[in-house]
Amino acid sequence: MAQTAKTKPNGPVAAGILAAGIGVFAMGLLTTAAAVSAGIAGALNWYGPVGPLSGKSIGAVIVWLVAWVVLGSGWRGKEVPFSPVYRWTLVLVALGVLLTFPPFFDLFA
């Protein structure tokens, strides 16, 4: 008698991976925005001793969590093509890392 392997849908895992890429991109975007605009840097200063880093990091975590909840809810119980999710995650992480480098965001200052 042959056994059939039951697989679980990959939607929740894909949601977590893509949400991580979105969170990294959000961190890069907030970092660049704070470097370019003193007003944005001031708005991101949520805790004085830390400065704008507090708003950048907390904001990126909020974006990551919201993305994870939204994608996870939408992809719960579904099989998602993983290759595009992986590619988009890599692109978002690369852009997010690029946006955190001073030589890059200094181009906009």
Protein backbone atom coordinates (compact mmCIF):
# COMPACT_ATOMS: atom_id res chain seq x y z
CA MET A 1 0.00 0.00 0.00
CA ALA A 2 1.50 3.33 -1.08
CA GLN A 3 1.49 6.25 1.27
CA THR A 4 0.76 9.73 0.06
CA ALA A 5 2.71 12.52 1.67
CA LYS A 6 0.61 15.35 2.96
CA THR A 7 2.26 18.71 2.65
CA LYS A 8 1.28 21.83 4.47
CA PRO A 9 0.58 24.98 2.48
CA ASN A 10 3.60 27.30 2.29
CA GLY A 11 1.61 30.54 2.46
CA PRO A 12 2.39 31.39 6.10
CA VAL A 13 6.11 30.71 5.59
CA ALA A 14 6.20 32.77 2.39
CA ALA A 15 4.38 35.57 4.21
CA GLY A 16 6.99 35.61 6.96
CA ILE A 17 9.88 35.69 4.50
CA LEU A 18 8.42 38.45 2.31
CA ALA A 19 7.43 40.46 5.40
CA ALA A 20 11.06 40.37 6.52
CA GLY A 21 12.11 41.86 3.18
CA ILE A 22 9.45 44.54 3.51
CA GLY A 23 10.68 45.35 7.02
CA VAL A 24 14.29 45.70 5.87
CA PHE A 25 13.19 47.96 3.02
CA ALA A 26 11.16 50.07 5.47
CA MET A 27 14.24 50.48 7.68
CA GLY A 28 16.28 51.65 4.69
CA LEU A 29 13.55 54.00 3.54
CA LEU A 30 13.15 55.55 6.99
CA THR A 31 16.92 55.90 7.33
CA THR A 32 17.22 57.71 4.02
CA ALA A 33 14.18 59.87 4.73
CA ALA A 34 15.60 60.92 8.11
CA ALA A 35 18.95 61.78 6.52
CA VAL A 36 17.33 63.86 3.80
CA SER A 37 14.77 65.75 5.87
CA ALA A 38 15.31 67.33 9.28
CA GLY A 39 11.54 67.35 9.73
CA ILE A 40 11.28 63.60 9.24
CA ALA A 41 14.30 63.05 11.50
CA GLY A 42 12.55 65.11 14.18
CA ALA A 43 9.33 63.17 13.74
CA LEU A 44 11.25 59.91 14.14
CA ASN A 45 12.84 61.04 17.40
CA TRP A 46 10.54 59.00 19.65
CA TYR A 47 13.03 58.64 22.50
CA GLY A 48 15.43 61.52 23.10
CA PRO A 49 18.61 59.70 24.14
CA VAL A 50 18.49 57.48 21.05
CA GLY A 51 17.39 60.13 18.56
CA PRO A 52 15.79 59.29 15.20
CA LEU A 53 17.07 55.72 15.40
CA SER A 54 14.23 54.99 17.83
CA GLY A 55 11.58 55.92 15.27
CA LYS A 56 13.40 54.24 12.41
CA SER A 57 13.74 50.91 14.17
CA ILE A 58 10.31 50.90 15.80
CA GLY A 59 8.70 52.06 12.55
CA ALA A 60 10.42 49.28 10.60
CA VAL A 61 9.27 46.69 13.14
CA ILE A 62 5.70 47.99 12.89
CA VAL A 63 5.82 47.78 9.08
CA TRP A 64 7.24 44.25 9.32
CA LEU A 65 4.53 43.10 11.73
CA VAL A 66 1.71 44.65 9.70
CA ALA A 67 3.07 43.11 6.49
CA TRP A 68 3.36 39.72 8.18
CA VAL A 69 -0.18 39.85 9.55
CA VAL A 70 -1.69 41.03 6.25
CA LEU A 71 0.22 38.58 4.06
CA GLY A 72 -0.19 35.76 6.56
CA SER A 73 -3.94 36.28 6.71
CA GLY A 74 -4.22 36.45 2.95
CA TRP A 75 -2.03 33.41 2.33
CA ARG A 76 -3.24 31.21 5.21
CA GLY A 77 -3.96 27.73 3.92
CA LYS A 78 -2.67 28.54 0.43
CA GLU A 79 0.17 27.26 -1.66
CA VAL A 80 2.10 30.28 -2.90
CA PRO A 81 4.66 30.17 -5.74
CA PHE A 82 7.82 30.54 -3.69
CA SER A 83 10.24 31.65 -6.41
CA PRO A 84 8.73 35.15 -6.87
CA VAL A 85 8.45 35.60 -3.11
CA TYR A 86 12.12 34.70 -2.72
CA ARG A 87 13.19 37.03 -5.54
CA TRP A 88 11.16 39.97 -4.21
CA THR A 89 12.53 39.38 -0.73
CA LEU A 90 16.10 39.50 -2.05
CA VAL A 91 15.37 42.70 -4.00
CA LEU A 92 13.76 44.37 -0.98
CA VAL A 93 16.61 43.35 1.34
CA ALA A 94 19.22 44.60 -1.16
CA LEU A 95 17.40 47.94 -1.54
CA GLY A 96 16.92 48.25 2.20
CA VAL A 97 20.61 47.66 2.88
CA LEU A 98 21.59 50.11 0.14
CA LEU A 99 19.32 52.78 1.61
CA THR A 100 21.06 52.55 4.99
CA PHE A 101 24.54 53.44 3.67
CA PRO A 102 25.61 57.07 4.16
CA PRO A 103 27.32 57.36 0.76
CA PHE A 104 23.95 56.52 -0.82
CA PHE A 105 21.59 58.67 1.22
CA ASP A 106 24.08 61.55 1.19
CA LEU A 107 23.38 61.79 -2.54
CA PHE A 108 19.91 63.08 -1.63
CA ALA A 109 20.92 65.40 1.21
